[in-house]
Protein backbone atom coordinates (compact mmCIF):
# COMPACT_ATOMS: atom_id res chain seq x y z
CA UNK A 1 -0.05 -0.03 0.17
CA UNK A 2 1.07 3.26 -1.29
CA UNK A 3 2.08 5.75 2.27
CA UNK A 4 1.55 9.30 2.91
CA UNK A 5 2.96 12.36 4.85
CA UNK A 6 0.65 13.69 7.49
CA UNK A 7 0.55 17.30 8.29
CA UNK A 8 -2.03 19.34 10.83
CA UNK A 9 -3.82 22.22 9.85
CA UNK A 10 -5.23 24.75 12.91
CA UNK A 11 -7.22 27.66 13.71
CA UNK A 12 -6.43 27.99 17.74
CA UNK A 13 -10.08 28.75 18.37
CA UNK A 14 -11.17 30.46 21.22
CA UNK A 15 -12.16 28.15 24.16
CA UNK A 16 -14.45 29.43 26.77
CA UNK A 17 -13.22 29.43 30.36
CA UNK A 18 -9.46 28.96 28.57
CA UNK A 19 -6.93 31.88 29.84
CA UNK A 20 -4.81 32.77 26.25
CA UNK A 21 -1.77 32.32 27.80
CA UNK A 22 -2.84 28.53 28.78
CA UNK A 23 -4.27 28.56 25.23
CA UNK A 24 -0.95 28.87 23.66
CA UNK A 25 0.95 27.11 25.91
CA UNK A 26 -0.72 23.99 25.67
CA UNK A 27 -0.89 24.25 21.75
CA UNK A 28 2.84 24.37 21.80
CA UNK A 29 3.38 21.60 23.95
CA UNK A 30 0.92 19.69 21.17
CA UNK A 31 3.55 21.31 18.70
CA UNK A 32 6.18 19.19 20.73
CA UNK A 33 4.18 16.04 20.41
CA UNK A 34 4.02 16.63 16.64
CA UNK A 35 7.63 16.88 16.53
CA UNK A 36 8.25 13.91 17.82
CA UNK A 37 5.69 11.12 16.54
CA UNK A 38 6.87 12.46 13.19
CA UNK A 39 4.36 15.29 11.66
CA UNK A 40 5.49 16.39 8.73
CA UNK A 41 4.05 20.13 8.86
CA UNK A 42 1.77 22.21 11.32
CA UNK A 43 -0.16 25.10 9.07
CA UNK A 44 -1.57 27.85 10.86
CA UNK A 45 -4.73 30.13 9.24
CA UNK A 46 -4.55 33.53 9.28
CA UNK A 47 -8.17 35.51 10.66
CA UNK A 48 -8.47 38.70 12.27
CA UNK A 49 -11.41 40.51 14.13
CA UNK A 50 -14.34 40.51 14.23
CA UNK A 51 -13.46 36.62 13.45
CA UNK A 52 -12.94 34.70 17.02
CA UNK A 53 -11.84 31.43 15.28
CA UNK A 54 -8.07 32.40 15.35
CA UNK A 55 -6.54 33.15 18.45
CA UNK A 56 -3.15 33.69 16.73
CA UNK A 57 -3.85 36.28 13.88
CA UNK A 58 -0.12 37.08 13.93
CA UNK A 59 1.64 33.39 12.99
CA UNK A 60 5.04 34.76 12.83
CA UNK A 61 4.37 35.28 16.54
CA UNK A 62 3.40 31.97 17.54
CA UNK A 63 5.35 29.99 14.86
CA UNK A 64 8.40 32.09 15.94
CA UNK A 65 8.16 30.24 19.46
CA UNK A 66 7.25 27.14 17.94
CA UNK A 67 10.56 27.21 16.23
CA UNK A 68 12.30 27.20 19.61
CA UNK A 69 9.97 24.45 21.14
CA UNK A 70 10.81 21.61 18.03
CA UNK A 71 13.81 20.02 16.12
CA UNK A 72 11.76 18.30 13.08
CA UNK A 73 8.64 19.53 12.42
CA UNK A 74 8.12 22.03 9.52
CA UNK A 75 5.38 24.45 9.97
CA UNK A 76 4.21 27.77 8.56
CA UNK A 77 0.95 30.13 7.66
CA UNK A 78 -1.88 28.57 5.92
CA UNK A 79 -2.14 30.90 4.88
CA UNK A 80 -0.69 34.45 5.12
CA UNK A 81 -3.59 36.69 4.01
CA UNK A 82 -1.41 38.34 1.62
CA UNK A 83 -3.49 42.14 1.41
CA UNK A 84 -3.50 42.59 5.05
CA UNK A 85 0.79 42.32 4.43
CA UNK A 86 3.20 44.87 3.68
CA UNK A 87 5.61 42.74 1.50
CA UNK A 88 8.92 44.02 2.89
CA UNK A 89 7.84 43.54 6.27
CA UNK A 90 6.95 39.93 5.17
CA UNK A 91 9.89 39.17 3.61
CA UNK A 92 12.13 40.27 6.59
CA UNK A 93 10.22 38.44 8.86
CA UNK A 94 9.82 34.91 6.40
CA UNK A 95 13.19 35.35 6.39
CA UNK A 96 13.61 35.60 10.08
CA UNK A 97 11.46 32.24 10.71
CA UNK A 98 13.57 30.38 8.44
CA UNK A 99 16.52 31.21 10.12
CA UNK A 100 15.14 30.58 13.45
CA UNK A 101 13.68 27.24 12.68
CA UNK A 102 16.96 25.91 10.69
CA UNK A 103 15.11 26.57 7.56
CA UNK A 104 11.63 24.54 8.16
CA UNK A 105 9.54 27.40 6.73
CA UNK A 106 6.74 26.23 4.61
CA UNK A 107 4.91 29.37 3.22
CA UNK A 108 1.40 29.38 2.55
CA UNK A 109 -0.36 32.07 0.57
CA UNK A 110 -3.73 33.40 0.24
CA UNK A 111 -6.42 36.04 -0.55
CA UNK A 112 -8.53 36.07 2.71
CA UNK A 113 -12.08 37.36 3.00
CA UNK A 114 -13.17 40.94 2.01
CA UNK A 115 -14.86 41.45 5.33
CA UNK A 116 -11.47 41.26 7.42
CA UNK A 117 -10.18 43.65 4.45
CA UNK A 118 -12.75 46.15 5.09
CA UNK A 119 -12.04 46.28 8.75
CA UNK A 120 -8.36 46.95 8.29
CA UNK A 121 -9.04 49.71 6.36
CA UNK A 122 -8.66 48.66 2.70
CA UNK A 123 -11.35 48.83 -0.22
CA UNK A 124 -13.18 45.42 0.95
CA UNK A 125 -13.97 44.68 -2.61
CA UNK A 126 -13.03 41.22 -4.77
CA UNK A 127 -11.20 43.33 -7.17
CA UNK A 128 -9.06 45.20 -5.16
CA UNK A 129 -8.28 42.57 -3.01
CA UNK A 130 -7.26 40.62 -5.62
CA UNK A 131 -4.87 42.89 -6.70
CA UNK A 132 -3.25 43.58 -3.66
CA UNK A 133 -2.63 39.89 -3.37
CA UNK A 134 -1.27 39.22 -6.61
CA UNK A 135 1.09 42.70 -6.11
CA UNK A 136 2.21 41.50 -2.35
CA UNK A 137 2.65 37.56 -3.79
CA UNK A 138 4.98 39.08 -6.75
CA UNK A 139 7.24 41.46 -4.40
CA UNK A 140 7.23 38.54 -1.83
CA UNK A 141 8.88 36.23 -4.53
CA UNK A 142 10.91 38.37 -6.09
CA UNK A 143 12.32 39.73 -3.00
CA UNK A 144 13.36 36.31 -1.08
CA UNK A 145 14.76 35.15 -4.28
CA UNK A 146 16.95 37.94 -4.70
CA UNK A 147 19.41 40.05 -3.43
CA UNK A 148 17.52 43.33 -4.46
CA UNK A 149 14.34 43.96 -5.17
CA UNK A 150 12.31 45.68 -7.90
CA UNK A 151 8.46 45.81 -8.93
CA UNK A 152 6.12 48.10 -10.21
CA UNK A 153 2.20 47.99 -9.27
CA UNK A 154 -0.99 49.85 -8.39
CA UNK A 155 -0.52 49.25 -4.61
CA UNK A 156 3.36 49.23 -4.37
CA UNK A 157 6.25 49.96 -5.90
CA UNK A 158 10.11 49.46 -4.86
CA UNK A 159 13.10 50.49 -7.19
CA UNK A 160 16.40 48.40 -6.07
CA UNK A 161 15.96 47.89 -2.72
CA UNK A 162 18.39 45.85 -1.11
CA UNK A 163 17.31 42.79 0.82
CA UNK A 164 19.48 42.74 3.95
CA UNK A 165 17.83 39.09 4.96
CA UNK A 166 17.26 36.54 2.82
CA UNK A 167 15.80 32.82 3.46
CA UNK A 168 17.51 29.88 4.87
CA UNK A 169 16.13 27.89 2.45
CA UNK A 170 16.78 28.44 -1.35
CA UNK A 171 15.86 29.83 -3.57
CA UNK A 172 12.79 30.40 -1.17
CA UNK A 173 10.79 28.33 1.36
CA UNK A 174 8.24 26.01 -0.42
CA UNK A 175 4.87 28.03 -1.24
CA UNK A 176 1.43 26.24 -0.45
CA UNK A 177 -1.50 27.62 -1.59
CA UNK A 178 -5.39 26.18 0.19
CA UNK A 179 -8.54 25.60 -1.29
CA UNK A 180 -7.79 25.88 -5.28
CA UNK A 181 -5.43 23.65 -6.89
CA UNK A 182 -5.31 25.22 -10.38
CA UNK A 183 -4.00 28.69 -8.64
CA UNK A 184 -1.42 26.11 -6.53
CA UNK A 185 -0.32 24.36 -9.40
CA UNK A 186 0.28 27.37 -11.93
CA UNK A 187 2.05 28.93 -8.97
CA UNK A 188 4.37 26.13 -8.54
CA UNK A 189 2.90 25.57 -4.94
CA UNK A 190 2.24 22.92 -2.81
CA UNK A 191 -1.92 22.87 -2.19
CA UNK A 192 -4.46 22.05 0.89
CA UNK A 193 -7.85 21.45 -0.24
CA UNK A 194 -11.37 21.36 1.84
CA UNK A 195 -14.10 19.30 0.53
CA UNK A 196 -14.77 15.32 0.84
CA UNK A 197 -12.57 12.48 -0.77
CA UNK A 198 -14.68 12.71 -3.86
CA UNK A 199 -13.36 16.07 -4.67
CA UNK A 200 -10.15 15.33 -3.64
CA UNK A 201 -9.78 12.81 -6.15
CA UNK A 202 -10.89 15.27 -9.31
CA UNK A 203 -8.90 17.45 -7.54
CA UNK A 204 -5.78 15.40 -7.39
CA UNK A 205 -6.39 14.47 -11.11
CA UNK A 206 -6.49 18.45 -12.48
CA UNK A 207 -3.50 19.30 -9.99
CA UNK A 208 -1.01 17.06 -11.47
CA UNK A 209 -2.14 17.67 -15.13
CA UNK A 210 -2.05 21.60 -14.50
CA UNK A 211 1.72 20.92 -12.66
CA UNK A 212 2.67 19.04 -15.60
CA UNK A 213 1.66 22.31 -18.15
CA UNK A 214 2.47 25.07 -16.21
CA UNK A 215 5.84 23.69 -14.54
CA UNK A 216 9.41 22.98 -16.13
CA UNK A 217 9.52 19.88 -13.86
CA UNK A 218 7.82 17.22 -11.56
CA UNK A 219 9.86 18.68 -8.76
CA UNK A 220 9.14 21.92 -7.02
CA UNK A 221 11.66 24.81 -6.60
CA UNK A 222 13.12 23.16 -3.71
CA UNK A 223 13.43 19.83 -5.84
CA UNK A 224 11.05 17.59 -3.77
CA UNK A 225 7.85 16.41 -5.19
CA UNK A 226 4.77 18.72 -4.98
CA UNK A 227 2.23 17.94 -2.10
CA UNK A 228 -1.57 17.83 -2.34
CA UNK A 229 -3.56 16.52 0.38
CA UNK A 230 -7.52 17.57 2.06
CA UNK A 231 -8.05 19.07 5.51
CA UNK A 232 -9.49 16.47 7.51
CA UNK A 233 -11.20 16.84 10.84
CA UNK A 234 -10.59 13.80 12.85
CA UNK A 235 -11.82 12.88 16.56
CA UNK A 236 -10.27 9.36 18.11
CA UNK A 237 -11.70 7.33 21.49
CA UNK A 238 -11.47 4.01 22.46
CA UNK A 239 -15.14 3.80 22.20
CA UNK A 240 -17.34 4.92 18.81
CA UNK A 241 -20.37 6.09 20.81
CA UNK A 242 -18.32 8.77 22.98
CA UNK A 243 -16.38 9.76 19.95
CA UNK A 244 -19.72 10.96 18.57
CA UNK A 245 -20.87 12.10 21.74
CA UNK A 246 -18.11 14.14 22.23
CA UNK A 247 -17.80 15.01 18.27
CA UNK A 248 -21.32 16.42 18.07
CA UNK A 249 -21.29 19.58 19.98
CA UNK A 250 -17.54 20.15 18.99
CA UNK A 251 -18.91 20.43 15.28
CA UNK A 252 -21.48 22.61 15.97
CA UNK A 253 -19.29 24.82 18.00
CA UNK A 254 -16.88 24.59 14.87
CA UNK A 255 -19.73 26.21 12.37
CA UNK A 256 -20.66 28.91 14.48
CA UNK A 257 -16.68 30.35 15.38
CA UNK A 258 -16.13 30.51 11.49
CA UNK A 259 -19.26 32.02 10.63
CA UNK A 260 -21.56 33.73 13.03
CA UNK A 261 -19.13 36.42 14.97
CA UNK A 262 -18.51 37.68 11.21
CA UNK A 263 -22.12 37.74 10.12
CA UNK A 264 -23.42 39.07 13.44
CA UNK A 265 -20.77 42.11 13.36
CA UNK A 266 -21.49 42.71 9.74
CA UNK A 267 -25.21 42.64 10.49
CA UNK A 268 -24.88 45.13 13.65
CA UNK A 269 -22.98 47.48 11.41
CA UNK A 270 -25.63 47.74 8.73
CA UNK A 271 -22.74 46.04 6.34
CA UNK A 272 -25.58 44.16 4.09
CA UNK A 273 -22.33 44.05 1.17
CA UNK A 274 -20.89 41.11 3.58
CA UNK A 275 -24.29 39.42 4.94
CA UNK A 276 -23.90 35.73 3.50
CA UNK A 277 -21.39 36.77 0.64
CA UNK A 278 -18.81 34.62 -0.52
CA UNK A 279 -15.57 35.46 0.88
CA UNK A 280 -16.82 36.80 3.90
CA UNK A 281 -17.13 33.89 6.57
CA UNK A 282 -20.67 34.39 6.77
CA UNK A 283 -21.24 31.51 4.29
CA UNK A 284 -19.64 28.75 5.48
CA UNK A 285 -22.62 26.86 5.50
CA UNK A 286 -23.19 27.12 1.57
CA UNK A 287 -23.53 23.65 0.16
CA UNK A 288 -21.62 23.97 -2.94
CA UNK A 289 -18.04 24.48 -3.71
CA UNK A 290 -17.18 27.22 -6.44
CA UNK A 291 -16.66 24.77 -9.76
CA UNK A 292 -12.52 25.87 -9.66
CA UNK A 293 -12.14 23.98 -6.28
CA UNK A 294 -14.36 20.51 -7.27
CA UNK A 295 -12.46 19.82 -10.89
CA UNK A 296 -15.69 19.36 -12.72
CA UNK A 297 -14.27 17.84 -15.75
CA UNK A 298 -11.87 15.18 -13.75
CA UNK A 299 -14.74 14.19 -11.50
CA UNK A 300 -17.03 13.32 -14.90
CA UNK A 301 -13.90 11.30 -15.55
CA UNK A 302 -13.87 9.68 -12.71
CA UNK A 303 -17.22 9.20 -12.53
CA UNK A 304 -17.44 7.46 -15.80
CA UNK A 305 -14.88 4.98 -14.41
CA UNK A 306 -17.15 4.13 -11.79
CA UNK A 307 -19.74 3.06 -14.20
CA UNK A 308 -17.42 -0.27 -14.51
CA UNK A 309 -17.63 -1.24 -11.13
CA UNK A 310 -20.54 -3.77 -10.34
CA UNK A 311 -23.28 -2.54 -7.75
CA UNK A 312 -21.93 -4.22 -4.86
CA UNK A 313 -18.26 -2.74 -5.63
CA UNK A 314 -19.81 0.59 -6.05
CA UNK A 315 -21.73 0.18 -2.87
CA UNK A 316 -18.90 -0.61 -0.95
CA UNK A 317 -16.49 2.28 -2.20
CA UNK A 318 -19.58 4.58 -0.81
CA UNK A 319 -19.43 3.27 2.44
CA UNK A 320 -15.80 3.81 2.86
CA UNK A 321 -16.06 7.13 1.96
CA UNK A 322 -19.16 8.39 4.32
CA UNK A 323 -17.97 9.96 7.37
CA UNK A 324 -16.96 7.77 10.06
CA UNK A 325 -19.57 8.55 12.74
CA UNK A 326 -22.34 10.05 10.84
CA UNK A 327 -21.57 13.88 11.35
CA UNK A 328 -20.73 15.28 7.50
CA UNK A 329 -17.03 16.71 7.13
CA UNK A 330 -15.68 15.00 10.35
CA UNK A 331 -14.32 11.63 10.49
CA UNK A 332 -14.83 10.01 14.27
CA UNK A 333 -14.43 7.13 15.80
CA UNK A 334 -11.89 4.37 17.01
CA UNK A 335 -8.75 3.82 15.18
CA UNK A 336 -10.48 0.52 13.59
CA UNK A 337 -13.69 2.23 12.73
CA UNK A 338 -11.77 5.29 11.00
CA UNK A 339 -9.41 2.93 8.82
CA UNK A 340 -11.87 2.23 5.80
CA UNK A 341 -11.64 5.93 5.46
CA UNK A 342 -7.93 5.95 5.49
CA UNK A 343 -7.49 2.86 3.29
CA UNK A 344 -9.98 4.82 0.62
CA UNK A 345 -7.48 7.85 1.23
CA UNK A 346 -5.19 5.85 -0.18
CA UNK A 347 -6.98 5.52 -3.07
CA UNK A 348 -7.33 9.16 -4.51
CA UNK A 349 -3.74 9.55 -5.57
CA UNK A 350 -3.10 12.06 -3.06
CA UNK A 351 0.41 12.15 -1.19
CA UNK A 352 -0.88 14.26 1.57
CA UNK A 353 -3.16 14.66 4.44
CA UNK A 354 -4.14 17.68 6.65
CA UNK A 355 -5.75 16.45 9.95
CA UNK A 356 -7.04 19.12 12.50
CA UNK A 357 -7.47 17.39 16.10
CA UNK A 358 -8.72 20.70 17.66
CA UNK A 359 -11.45 22.49 16.88
CA UNK A 360 -14.88 23.58 17.97
CA UNK A 361 -15.15 23.32 21.56
CA UNK A 362 -12.70 19.96 22.06
CA UNK A 363 -10.29 20.54 25.04
CA UNK A 364 -6.45 20.04 24.53
CA UNK A 365 -6.71 16.47 26.65
CA UNK A 366 -9.50 15.69 24.18
CA UNK A 367 -7.22 16.52 21.16
CA UNK A 368 -4.06 14.82 23.15
CA UNK A 369 -6.00 10.97 22.96
CA UNK A 370 -6.74 11.79 19.41
CA UNK A 371 -3.33 12.45 18.39
CA UNK A 372 -2.15 9.76 20.77
CA UNK A 373 -4.83 6.92 19.69
CA UNK A 374 -3.70 8.42 15.73
CA UNK A 375 0.19 7.95 16.48
CA UNK A 376 0.01 4.51 17.81
CA UNK A 377 -2.48 2.91 15.38
CA UNK A 378 -2.99 4.75 12.22
CA UNK A 379 0.26 6.82 11.26
CA UNK A 380 2.48 3.40 11.43
CA UNK A 381 -0.17 1.74 9.03
CA UNK A 382 -0.56 4.61 6.85
CA UNK A 383 2.63 7.17 6.96
CA UNK A 384 6.00 7.01 5.49
CA UNK A 385 8.47 6.10 7.87
CA UNK A 386 10.80 9.23 7.16
CA UNK A 387 8.17 12.22 6.07
CA UNK A 388 11.22 14.36 5.73
CA UNK A 389 13.16 12.57 2.99
CA UNK A 390 12.23 12.89 -0.42
CA UNK A 391 12.91 9.55 -2.98
CA UNK A 392 9.92 9.92 -5.04
CA UNK A 393 10.04 11.20 -8.59
CA UNK A 394 13.62 11.10 -8.75
CA UNK A 395 14.16 13.56 -5.90
CA UNK A 396 16.93 13.03 -3.31
CA UNK A 397 15.75 15.73 -0.59
CA UNK A 398 15.86 16.13 2.68
CA UNK A 399 13.44 19.00 4.35
């Protein structure tokens, strides 16, 4: 069986009754465990007020501490909301983090939501948000990879600015993009997606095809195979029914945290242009993803191939792909009851799985139980023996 690498995605959500200093210390202890068990990378989201589901809105501050508490674990933003960052400051802080961690930074980038941009005093419209993203990304890549920065845009103009700080990893730390495989592949970036195994399978096909069309070779600029995987929110327990009982209120809290505070603040201020609008965080309950996130052509090809399966084979496949525990979007149960889901994941062609162990109102203790059960029962079965050494596709690279 093909084995994969595992990462972790995290928001660091607010927990009622838990002081912020305790929340940070618990999470740093969790990262120490990730380091010990062989998690490849820790990916930290960026959100700002009025959101409440990101208590580490300055990822660099938290990750600098993480760099001193871990030895092998790679880590980074997933993603920097580029419209909210000044390119020069970001180049300097990325370089600092890469050196503080001895070259373990994984650099995720994204556009973020227009509501948060509005609260930062920016335009709050999709077009300006996209332009700020493109310019910040262009300047960031240019500045990290060269000794001088020259860049001309609508919002930023730099002329032969000396880059006194350069990253340890050359030409740059590995780039990541979240949600859109097409953007990731065209930009030579690794990719994290959300959704289901079905959409993942189609997106892997699409990502690989566009990568071959858009890049000079099969490897990234750092000389390793590009990684692509799905965010999977998981809760493990020795007893399946107890796992479900704990996950149900946590799933509701997670949904509220992601959407309600921003929506309520927009409504309170009469910002009707942001209420239930895509990209504001108030639309998390929308059933459908944008077509660019679900690879419709590749999905049709895969559906056609399934017609060759017998009814029994198709039914078995559908059972394996259902959310263990019966809570859509979450993988809940014992290591044994979730194993069929992991088995099916291995068939999608993805080479990465991005687990989330603490979400909603799950406590540190509940998350640690899941992590320990995963490390004991699932990681040895599905994970590569050395996640930091790459020998796929002709690569000979130690991350």
